[in-house]
PDB file of all heavy atoms in Angstrom:
ATOM      1  N   ARG A   1      88.273   7.827   0.675  1.00  0.00           N
ATOM      2  CA  ARG A   1      89.814   8.177   0.899  1.00  0.00           C
ATOM      3  C   ARG A   1      90.112   9.488   0.320  1.00  0.00           C
ATOM      4  O   ARG A   1      89.875   9.741  -0.868  1.00  0.00           O
ATOM      5  CB  ARG A   1      90.626   7.078   0.221  1.00  0.00           C
ATOM      6  CG  ARG A   1      92.092   7.215   0.668  1.00  0.00           C
ATOM      7  CD  ARG A   1      92.974   6.176   0.197  1.00  0.00           C
ATOM      8  NE  ARG A   1      93.531   6.429  -1.147  1.00  0.00           N
ATOM      9  CZ  ARG A   1      94.657   6.096  -1.686  1.00  0.00           C
ATOM     10  NH1 ARG A   1      95.482   5.289  -0.965  1.00  0.00           N
ATOM     11  NH2 ARG A   1      94.983   6.318  -2.925  1.00  0.00           N
ATOM     12  N   LEU A   2      90.548  10.386   1.188  1.00  0.00           N
ATOM     13  CA  LEU A   2      91.014  11.696   0.748  1.00  0.00           C
ATOM     14  C   LEU A   2      92.436  11.764   0.482  1.00  0.00           C
ATOM     15  O   LEU A   2      93.241  11.041   1.091  1.00  0.00           O
ATOM     16  CB  LEU A   2      90.669  12.725   1.773  1.00  0.00           C
ATOM     17  CG  LEU A   2      89.209  12.812   2.388  1.00  0.00           C
ATOM     18  CD1 LEU A   2      89.133  13.962   3.407  1.00  0.00           C
ATOM     19  CD2 LEU A   2      88.250  12.956   1.269  1.00  0.00           C
ATOM     20  N   SER A   3      92.811  12.536  -0.492  1.00  0.00           N
ATOM     21  CA  SER A   3      94.212  12.773  -0.975  1.00  0.00           C
ATOM     22  C   SER A   3      94.540  14.194  -0.867  1.00  0.00           C
ATOM     23  O   SER A   3      93.748  15.094  -1.202  1.00  0.00           O
ATOM     24  CB  SER A   3      94.550  12.128  -2.288  1.00  0.00           C
ATOM     25  OG  SER A   3      94.251  10.793  -2.308  1.00  0.00           O
ATOM     26  N   CYS A   4      95.895  14.518  -0.594  1.00  0.00           N
ATOM     27  CA  CYS A   4      96.330  15.883  -0.695  1.00  0.00           C
ATOM     28  C   CYS A   4      97.805  15.935  -1.147  1.00  0.00           C
ATOM     29  O   CYS A   4      98.664  15.306  -0.397  1.00  0.00           O
ATOM     30  CB  CYS A   4      96.176  16.517   0.715  1.00  0.00           C
ATOM     31  SG  CYS A   4      96.876  18.226   0.735  1.00  0.00           S
ATOM     32  N   ALA A   5      98.049  16.476  -2.268  1.00  0.00           N
ATOM     33  CA  ALA A   5      99.375  16.482  -2.782  1.00  0.00           C
ATOM     34  C   ALA A   5      99.910  17.881  -2.669  1.00  0.00           C
ATOM     35  O   ALA A   5      99.290  18.885  -3.198  1.00  0.00           O
ATOM     36  CB  ALA A   5      99.317  16.014  -4.257  1.00  0.00           C
ATOM     37  N   ALA A   6     101.079  18.019  -2.103  1.00  0.00           N
ATOM     38  CA  ALA A   6     101.793  19.229  -2.044  1.00  0.00           C
ATOM     39  C   ALA A   6     102.878  19.421  -3.235  1.00  0.00           C
ATOM     40  O   ALA A   6     103.632  18.462  -3.484  1.00  0.00           O
ATOM     41  CB  ALA A   6     102.535  19.426  -0.769  1.00  0.00           C
ATOM     42  N   SER A   7     102.939  20.546  -3.701  1.00  0.00           N
ATOM     43  CA  SER A   7     103.836  20.787  -4.872  1.00  0.00           C
ATOM     44  C   SER A   7     104.492  22.188  -4.743  1.00  0.00           C
ATOM     45  O   SER A   7     103.905  23.146  -4.065  1.00  0.00           O
ATOM     46  CB  SER A   7     103.170  20.601  -6.265  1.00  0.00           C
ATOM     47  OG  SER A   7     102.187  21.530  -6.466  1.00  0.00           O
ATOM     48  N   GLY A   8     105.582  22.411  -5.461  1.00  0.00           N
ATOM     49  CA  GLY A   8     106.226  23.723  -5.449  1.00  0.00           C
ATOM     50  C   GLY A   8     107.663  23.568  -4.942  1.00  0.00           C
ATOM     51  O   GLY A   8     108.245  22.530  -4.908  1.00  0.00           O
ATOM     52  N   SER A   9     108.197  24.736  -4.387  1.00  0.00           N
ATOM     53  CA  SER A   9     109.478  24.784  -3.999  1.00  0.00           C
ATOM     54  C   SER A   9     109.606  24.343  -2.565  1.00  0.00           C
ATOM     55  O   SER A   9     109.837  25.171  -1.620  1.00  0.00           O
ATOM     56  CB  SER A   9     110.109  26.165  -4.208  1.00  0.00           C
ATOM     57  OG  SER A   9     110.056  26.554  -5.544  1.00  0.00           O
ATOM     58  N   ILE A  10     109.507  23.034  -2.353  1.00  0.00           N
ATOM     59  CA  ILE A  10     109.514  22.514  -1.017  1.00  0.00           C
ATOM     60  C   ILE A  10     110.834  21.950  -0.676  1.00  0.00           C
ATOM     61  O   ILE A  10     111.358  21.056  -1.281  1.00  0.00           O
ATOM     62  CB  ILE A  10     108.394  21.420  -0.883  1.00  0.00           C
ATOM     63  CG1 ILE A  10     106.960  21.972  -1.156  1.00  0.00           C
ATOM     64  CG2 ILE A  10     108.543  20.729   0.554  1.00  0.00           C
ATOM     65  CD1 ILE A  10     106.001  20.901  -1.328  1.00  0.00           C
ATOM     66  N   PHE A  11     111.449  22.373   0.460  1.00  0.00           N
ATOM     67  CA  PHE A  11     112.583  21.946   0.977  1.00  0.00           C
ATOM     68  C   PHE A  11     112.426  20.764   1.938  1.00  0.00           C
ATOM     69  O   PHE A  11     113.211  19.695   1.825  1.00  0.00           O
ATOM     70  CB  PHE A  11     113.500  23.042   1.561  1.00  0.00           C
ATOM     71  CG  PHE A  11     114.789  22.507   2.101  1.00  0.00           C
ATOM     72  CD1 PHE A  11     115.842  22.321   1.202  1.00  0.00           C
ATOM     73  CD2 PHE A  11     115.039  22.365   3.431  1.00  0.00           C
ATOM     74  CE1 PHE A  11     117.153  21.876   1.694  1.00  0.00           C
ATOM     75  CE2 PHE A  11     116.316  21.962   3.936  1.00  0.00           C
ATOM     76  CZ  PHE A  11     117.310  21.681   2.982  1.00  0.00           C
ATOM     77  N   ASN A  12     111.530  20.932   2.856  1.00  0.00           N
ATOM     78  CA  ASN A  12     111.301  19.884   3.861  1.00  0.00           C
ATOM     79  C   ASN A  12     109.916  19.952   4.334  1.00  0.00           C
ATOM     80  O   ASN A  12     109.375  21.039   4.655  1.00  0.00           O
ATOM     81  CB  ASN A  12     112.235  20.016   4.964  1.00  0.00           C
ATOM     82  CG  ASN A  12     112.214  18.880   5.909  1.00  0.00           C
ATOM     83  OD1 ASN A  12     112.363  17.704   5.515  1.00  0.00           O
ATOM     84  ND2 ASN A  12     112.217  19.205   7.231  1.00  0.00           N
ATOM     85  N   ILE A  13     109.235  18.776   4.512  1.00  0.00           N
ATOM     86  CA  ILE A  13     107.880  18.757   5.167  1.00  0.00           C
ATOM     87  C   ILE A  13     108.152  18.205   6.414  1.00  0.00           C
ATOM     88  O   ILE A  13     108.714  17.101   6.716  1.00  0.00           O
ATOM     89  CB  ILE A  13     106.993  17.830   4.321  1.00  0.00           C
ATOM     90  CG1 ILE A  13     106.750  18.364   2.922  1.00  0.00           C
ATOM     91  CG2 ILE A  13     105.674  17.521   5.109  1.00  0.00           C
ATOM     92  CD1 ILE A  13     105.861  17.467   2.052  1.00  0.00           C
ATOM     93  N   TYR A  14     107.451  18.860   7.489  1.00  0.00           N
ATOM     94  CA  TYR A  14     107.541  18.372   8.906  1.00  0.00           C
ATOM     95  C   TYR A  14     106.381  17.530   9.243  1.00  0.00           C
ATOM     96  O   TYR A  14     106.524  16.389   9.836  1.00  0.00           O
ATOM     97  CB  TYR A  14     107.733  19.548   9.831  1.00  0.00           C
ATOM     98  CG  TYR A  14     108.941  20.394   9.540  1.00  0.00           C
ATOM     99  CD1 TYR A  14     108.914  21.523   8.706  1.00  0.00           C
ATOM    100  CD2 TYR A  14     110.216  19.957   9.982  1.00  0.00           C
ATOM    101  CE1 TYR A  14     110.009  22.313   8.371  1.00  0.00           C
ATOM    102  CE2 TYR A  14     111.243  20.750   9.682  1.00  0.00           C
ATOM    103  CZ  TYR A  14     111.153  21.908   8.932  1.00  0.00           C
ATOM    104  OH  TYR A  14     112.305  22.610   8.674  1.00  0.00           O
ATOM    105  N   THR A  15     105.117  18.018   8.966  1.00  0.00           N
ATOM    106  CA  THR A  15     103.905  17.268   9.152  1.00  0.00           C
ATOM    107  C   THR A  15     102.930  17.677   8.080  1.00  0.00           C
ATOM    108  O   THR A  15     103.016  18.729   7.497  1.00  0.00           O
ATOM    109  CB  THR A  15     103.258  17.525  10.496  1.00  0.00           C
ATOM    110  OG1 THR A  15     102.842  18.894  10.616  1.00  0.00           O
ATOM    111  CG2 THR A  15     104.205  17.227  11.731  1.00  0.00           C
ATOM    112  N   MET A  16     102.050  16.732   7.792  1.00  0.00           N
ATOM    113  CA  MET A  16     100.824  17.077   7.064  1.00  0.00           C
ATOM    114  C   MET A  16      99.665  16.448   7.767  1.00  0.00           C
ATOM    115  O   MET A  16      99.786  15.398   8.438  1.00  0.00           O
ATOM    116  CB  MET A  16     100.912  16.451   5.703  1.00  0.00           C
ATOM    117  CG  MET A  16     101.966  17.197   4.859  1.00  0.00           C
ATOM    118  SD  MET A  16     101.881  16.684   3.084  1.00  0.00           S
ATOM    119  CE  MET A  16     100.375  17.514   2.491  1.00  0.00           C
ATOM    120  N   GLY A  17      98.479  17.144   7.810  1.00  0.00           N
ATOM    121  CA  GLY A  17      97.344  16.670   8.513  1.00  0.00           C
ATOM    122  C   GLY A  17      96.092  17.140   7.951  1.00  0.00           C
ATOM    123  O   GLY A  17      96.035  17.851   6.874  1.00  0.00           O
ATOM    124  N   TRP A  18      95.003  16.704   8.547  1.00  0.00           N
ATOM    125  CA  TRP A  18      93.616  17.046   8.142  1.00  0.00           C
ATOM    126  C   TRP A  18      92.796  17.715   9.210  1.00  0.00           C
ATOM    127  O   TRP A  18      92.902  17.305  10.381  1.00  0.00           O
ATOM    128  CB  TRP A  18      92.939  15.642   7.724  1.00  0.00           C
ATOM    129  CG  TRP A  18      93.598  15.032   6.542  1.00  0.00           C
ATOM    130  CD1 TRP A  18      94.528  14.064   6.578  1.00  0.00           C
ATOM    131  CD2 TRP A  18      93.292  15.231   5.138  1.00  0.00           C
ATOM    132  NE1 TRP A  18      94.864  13.763   5.288  1.00  0.00           N
ATOM    133  CE2 TRP A  18      94.143  14.460   4.441  1.00  0.00           C
ATOM    134  CE3 TRP A  18      92.328  16.109   4.511  1.00  0.00           C
ATOM    135  CZ2 TRP A  18      94.080  14.407   2.934  1.00  0.00           C
ATOM    136  CZ3 TRP A  18      92.385  16.170   3.077  1.00  0.00           C
ATOM    137  CH2 TRP A  18      93.168  15.273   2.396  1.00  0.00           C
ATOM    138  N   TYR A  19      92.065  18.652   8.842  1.00  0.00           N
ATOM    139  CA  TYR A  19      91.253  19.470   9.778  1.00  0.00           C
ATOM    140  C   TYR A  19      89.822  19.634   9.233  1.00  0.00           C
ATOM    141  O   TYR A  19      89.625  19.490   8.003  1.00  0.00           O
ATOM    142  CB  TYR A  19      91.801  20.911   9.956  1.00  0.00           C
ATOM    143  CG  TYR A  19      93.193  20.965  10.616  1.00  0.00           C
ATOM    144  CD1 TYR A  19      94.358  20.564   9.974  1.00  0.00           C
ATOM    145  CD2 TYR A  19      93.334  21.376  11.895  1.00  0.00           C
ATOM    146  CE1 TYR A  19      95.619  20.721  10.641  1.00  0.00           C
ATOM    147  CE2 TYR A  19      94.536  21.498  12.548  1.00  0.00           C
ATOM    148  CZ  TYR A  19      95.670  21.073  11.861  1.00  0.00           C
ATOM    149  OH  TYR A  19      96.926  21.213  12.529  1.00  0.00           O
ATOM    150  N   ARG A  20      88.956  19.828  10.159  1.00  0.00           N
ATOM    151  CA  ARG A  20      87.537  20.065   9.794  1.00  0.00           C
ATOM    152  C   ARG A  20      86.862  21.076  10.761  1.00  0.00           C
ATOM    153  O   ARG A  20      87.418  21.227  11.915  1.00  0.00           O
ATOM    154  CB  ARG A  20      86.684  18.797   9.761  1.00  0.00           C
ATOM    155  CG  ARG A  20      86.535  18.170  11.100  1.00  0.00           C
ATOM    156  CD  ARG A  20      85.839  16.800  10.951  1.00  0.00           C
ATOM    157  NE  ARG A  20      85.574  16.222  12.237  1.00  0.00           N
ATOM    158  CZ  ARG A  20      85.152  15.000  12.427  1.00  0.00           C
ATOM    159  NH1 ARG A  20      84.919  14.144  11.349  1.00  0.00           N
ATOM    160  NH2 ARG A  20      84.919  14.477  13.669  1.00  0.00           N
ATOM    161  N   PRO A  21      85.929  21.833  10.359  1.00  0.00           N
ATOM    162  CA  PRO A  21      85.255  22.743  11.279  1.00  0.00           C
ATOM    163  C   PRO A  21      84.598  21.965  12.395  1.00  0.00           C
ATOM    164  O   PRO A  21      84.203  20.871  12.311  1.00  0.00           O
ATOM    165  CB  PRO A  21      84.222  23.491  10.393  1.00  0.00           C
ATOM    166  CG  PRO A  21      84.682  23.322   8.977  1.00  0.00           C
ATOM    167  CD  PRO A  21      85.374  22.000   9.009  1.00  0.00           C
ATOM    168  N   ALA A  22      84.553  22.569  13.550  1.00  0.00           N
ATOM    169  CA  ALA A  22      83.866  21.998  14.779  1.00  0.00           C
ATOM    170  C   ALA A  22      83.270  23.052  15.659  1.00  0.00           C
ATOM    171  O   ALA A  22      83.679  24.206  15.628  1.00  0.00           O
ATOM    172  CB  ALA A  22      84.896  21.240  15.569  1.00  0.00           C
ATOM    173  N   PRO A  23      82.272  22.686  16.390  1.00  0.00           N
ATOM    174  CA  PRO A  23      81.630  23.647  17.269  1.00  0.00           C
ATOM    175  C   PRO A  23      82.526  24.271  18.311  1.00  0.00           C
ATOM    176  O   PRO A  23      83.432  23.602  18.872  1.00  0.00           O
ATOM    177  CB  PRO A  23      80.570  22.805  18.023  1.00  0.00           C
ATOM    178  CG  PRO A  23      80.239  21.656  17.037  1.00  0.00           C
ATOM    179  CD  PRO A  23      81.627  21.376  16.522  1.00  0.00           C
ATOM    180  N   GLY A  24      82.557  25.609  18.326  1.00  0.00           N
ATOM    181  CA  GLY A  24      83.346  26.315  19.289  1.00  0.00           C
ATOM    182  C   GLY A  24      84.716  26.617  18.728  1.00  0.00           C
ATOM    183  O   GLY A  24      85.560  27.325  19.539  1.00  0.00           O
TER     184      GLY A  24
END
């Protein structure tokens, strides 16, 4: 299970997602 926490002067989050390298 991966976790990702955003912090700082955040007014609004629209989306959060996960990416990885891929061929091409």
